[in-house]
C-alpha atoms as a PDB file:
ATOM      1  CA  MET A   1      48.471  88.470  84.837  1.00  0.00           C
ATOM      2  CA  ILE A   2      46.698  85.376  83.307  1.00  0.00           C
ATOM      3  CA  PRO A   3      46.684  82.018  84.776  1.00  0.00           C
ATOM      4  CA  LYS A   4      49.411  79.498  83.719  1.00  0.00           C
ATOM      5  CA  GLU A   5      46.774  77.209  82.280  1.00  0.00           C
ATOM      6  CA  THR A   6      45.473  79.972  79.990  1.00  0.00           C
ATOM      7  CA  GLU A   7      48.971  80.495  78.677  1.00  0.00           C
ATOM      8  CA  ALA A   8      49.534  76.910  78.121  1.00  0.00           C
ATOM      9  CA  GLU A   9      46.247  76.961  76.069  1.00  0.00           C
ATOM     10  CA  ILE A  10      47.252  80.044  73.950  1.00  0.00           C
ATOM     11  CA  ILE A  11      50.442  78.140  72.982  1.00  0.00           C
ATOM     12  CA  ARG A  12      48.694  74.882  72.250  1.00  0.00           C
ATOM     13  CA  LEU A  13      46.101  76.617  70.083  1.00  0.00           C
ATOM     14  CA  PHE A  14      48.523  78.660  68.301  1.00  0.00           C
ATOM     15  CA  HIS A  15      51.404  76.009  67.560  1.00  0.00           C
ATOM     16  CA  ALA A  16      49.370  72.761  67.459  1.00  0.00           C
ATOM     17  CA  GLU A  17      45.888  73.924  66.274  1.00  0.00           C
ATOM     18  CA  LYS A  18      47.279  76.681  64.000  1.00  0.00           C
ATOM     19  CA  TRP A  19      44.496  79.022  65.297  1.00  0.00           C
ATOM     20  CA  PRO A  20      45.184  82.998  64.386  1.00  0.00           C
ATOM     21  CA  ILE A  21      45.761  85.228  67.261  1.00  0.00           C
ATOM     22  CA  SER A  22      42.399  86.935  66.983  1.00  0.00           C
ATOM     23  CA  THR A  23      40.488  83.630  67.107  1.00  0.00           C
ATOM     24  CA  ILE A  24      42.437  82.502  70.181  1.00  0.00           C
ATOM     25  CA  ALA A  25      41.714  85.972  71.967  1.00  0.00           C
ATOM     26  CA  GLY A  26      37.991  85.666  71.192  1.00  0.00           C
ATOM     27  CA  GLN A  27      37.778  82.066  72.301  1.00  0.00           C
ATOM     28  CA  LEU A  28      39.679  82.514  75.576  1.00  0.00           C
ATOM     29  CA  GLY A  29      38.177  86.049  76.372  1.00  0.00           C
ATOM     30  CA  VAL A  30      41.472  87.765  76.356  1.00  0.00           C
ATOM     31  CA  HIS A  31      42.830  90.744  74.473  1.00  0.00           C
ATOM     32  CA  HIS A  32      44.823  90.103  71.210  1.00  0.00           C
ATOM     33  CA  THR A  33      47.904  91.812  72.769  1.00  0.00           C
ATOM     34  CA  THR A  34      47.815  89.391  75.682  1.00  0.00           C
ATOM     35  CA  VAL A  35      47.988  86.511  73.116  1.00  0.00           C
ATOM     36  CA  GLN A  36      50.911  88.152  71.391  1.00  0.00           C
ATOM     37  CA  ARG A  37      52.882  88.686  74.599  1.00  0.00           C
ATOM     38  CA  VAL A  38      52.360  85.127  75.625  1.00  0.00           C
ATOM     39  CA  LEU A  39      53.651  83.877  72.273  1.00  0.00           C
ATOM     40  CA  GLN A  40      56.493  86.166  72.366  1.00  0.00           C
ATOM     41  CA  GLN A  41      57.493  84.896  75.892  1.00  0.00           C
ATOM     42  CA  THR A  42      57.760  81.353  74.502  1.00  0.00           C
ATOM     43  CA  GLY A  43      60.940  82.377  72.590  1.00  0.00           C
ATOM     44  CA  LEU A  44      59.727  80.715  69.449  1.00  0.00           C
ATOM     45  CA  GLU A  45      59.685  82.655  66.164  1.00  0.00           C
ATOM     46  CA  ARG A  46      56.505  84.404  65.419  1.00  0.00           C
ATOM     47  CA  LYS A  47      55.455  83.919  61.673  1.00  0.00           C
ATOM     48  CA  ALA A  48      55.160  86.967  59.711  1.00  0.00           C
ATOM     49  CA  VAL A  49      51.908  88.056  58.330  1.00  0.00           C
ATOM     50  CA  ALA A  50      52.038  89.037  54.639  1.00  0.00           C
ATOM     51  CA  PRO A  51      50.380  92.297  53.962  1.00  0.00           C
ATOM     52  CA  ARG A  52      47.001  92.130  51.933  1.00  0.00           C
ATOM     53  CA  PRO A  53      47.523  93.125  48.382  1.00  0.00           C
ATOM     54  CA  SER A  54      45.722  96.243  47.054  1.00  0.00           C
ATOM     55  CA  MET A  55      44.397  97.550  43.786  1.00  0.00           C
ATOM     56  CA  ALA A  56      46.626 100.398  44.197  1.00  0.00           C
ATOM     57  CA  ASP A  57      49.818  98.563  44.482  1.00  0.00           C
ATOM     58  CA  PRO A  58      51.137  98.733  40.910  1.00  0.00           C
ATOM     59  CA  PHE A  59      50.590 102.599  41.093  1.00  0.00           C
ATOM     60  CA  VAL A  60      52.456 103.179  44.375  1.00  0.00           C
ATOM     61  CA  PRO A  61      55.872 103.935  42.824  1.00  0.00           C
ATOM     62  CA  PHE A  62      54.122 106.522  40.390  1.00  0.00           C
ATOM     63  CA  ILE A  63      52.135 108.050  43.317  1.00  0.00           C
ATOM     64  CA  VAL A  64      55.213 108.201  45.581  1.00  0.00           C
ATOM     65  CA  GLU A  65      57.143 110.158  42.809  1.00  0.00           C
ATOM     66  CA  LEU A  66      54.114 112.330  42.071  1.00  0.00           C
ATOM     67  CA  THR A  67      53.824 113.475  45.762  1.00  0.00           C
ATOM     68  CA  LYS A  68      57.317 114.814  45.700  1.00  0.00           C
ATOM     69  CA  TYR A  69      55.988 117.604  43.706  1.00  0.00           C
ATOM     70  CA  PHE A  70      52.057 117.845  44.471  1.00  0.00           C
ATOM     71  CA  THR A  71      49.968 117.375  47.618  1.00  0.00           C
ATOM     72  CA  LEU A  72      47.269 114.806  47.009  1.00  0.00           C
ATOM     73  CA  TRP A  73      44.100 115.373  48.928  1.00  0.00           C
ATOM     74  CA  PRO A  74      40.988 112.978  49.685  1.00  0.00           C
ATOM     75  CA  GLY A  75      39.103 112.934  46.359  1.00  0.00           C
ATOM     76  CA  ASP A  76      41.727 113.807  44.048  1.00  0.00           C
ATOM     77  CA  VAL A  77      41.655 111.873  40.758  1.00  0.00           C
ATOM     78  CA  ILE A  78      45.046 111.055  39.058  1.00  0.00           C
ATOM     79  CA  TRP A  79      44.411 110.857  35.284  1.00  0.00           C
ATOM     80  CA  MET A  80      46.574 107.738  34.381  1.00  0.00           C
ATOM     81  CA  GLY A  81      45.157 107.299  30.901  1.00  0.00           C
ATOM     82  CA  THR A  82      43.563 104.280  29.244  1.00  0.00           C
ATOM     83  CA  ASP A  83      44.488 101.442  26.861  1.00  0.00           C
ATOM     84  CA  GLY A  84      42.598 103.284  23.931  1.00  0.00           C
ATOM     85  CA  ALA A  85      42.745 106.725  22.498  1.00  0.00           C
ATOM     86  CA  SER A  86      41.441 109.087  25.131  1.00  0.00           C
ATOM     87  CA  PRO A  87      40.548 112.948  24.888  1.00  0.00           C
ATOM     88  CA  ASP A  88      42.464 115.546  26.934  1.00  0.00           C
ATOM     89  CA  ILE A  89      40.762 116.659  29.849  1.00  0.00           C
ATOM     90  CA  LYS A  90      39.679 120.246  29.457  1.00  0.00           C
ATOM     91  CA  HIS A  91      38.488 122.957  31.851  1.00  0.00           C
ATOM     92  CA  GLY A  92      34.891 122.231  32.980  1.00  0.00           C
ATOM     93  CA  ASP A  93      35.050 118.480  32.078  1.00  0.00           C
ATOM     94  CA  VAL A  94      33.299 116.162  34.528  1.00  0.00           C
ATOM     95  CA  VAL A  95      35.393 113.100  35.516  1.00  0.00           C
ATOM     96  CA  GLU A  96      33.285 110.280  36.722  1.00  0.00           C
ATOM     97  CA  ILE A  97      34.460 107.067  38.473  1.00  0.00           C
ATOM     98  CA  ASP A  98      31.773 104.444  39.165  1.00  0.00           C
ATOM     99  CA  ILE A  99      32.426 101.554  41.524  1.00  0.00           C
ATOM    100  CA  THR A 100      29.895  98.885  41.759  1.00  0.00           C
ATOM    101  CA  GLY A 101      28.686  98.597  45.352  1.00  0.00           C
ATOM    102  CA  ILE A 102      30.177 101.872  46.499  1.00  0.00           C
ATOM    103  CA  GLY A 103      28.828 104.657  44.205  1.00  0.00           C
ATOM    104  CA  THR A 104      29.947 107.303  41.683  1.00  0.00           C
ATOM    105  CA  LEU A 105      32.531 109.880  42.384  1.00  0.00           C
ATOM    106  CA  ARG A 106      32.005 113.133  40.165  1.00  0.00           C
ATOM    107  CA  ASN A 107      34.653 115.696  39.934  1.00  0.00           C
ATOM    108  CA  ARG A 108      34.639 118.686  37.787  1.00  0.00           C
ATOM    109  CA  PHE A 109      38.014 119.546  36.379  1.00  0.00           C
ATOM    110  CA  VAL A 110      39.053 123.102  37.095  1.00  0.00           C
ATOM    111  CA  ARG A 111      42.182 124.627  35.677  1.00  0.00           C
ATOM    112  CA  GLU A 112      44.385 126.437  38.226  1.00  0.00           C
ATOM    113  CA  ALA A 113      44.411 130.083  37.739  1.00  0.00           C
ATOM    114  CA  ARG A 114      47.782 131.648  36.679  1.00  0.00           C
END
């Protein structure tokens, strides 16, 4: 249980000062779920937080469809093609993905045994 003064301060900071929940929690030294609980008890609607966009968002429908037929594992590369002409991947080819600041992922393409 937190003091009524702290509850009042949470409500003021959130509604009047427009502080985010995490900032209020840090400033007042309470857990973020405590701040959420106090705000829910006020009966006022809580604003929805929009999810962050991802570079993968445009590909989600394709990936969802693909996973109906295949299991994807960490490190799997989905060959989506390019804007220009692109050679077909052959057994033994190495596919490299270089991401600045992260590194290079190299995978050797291996044809499944039949």
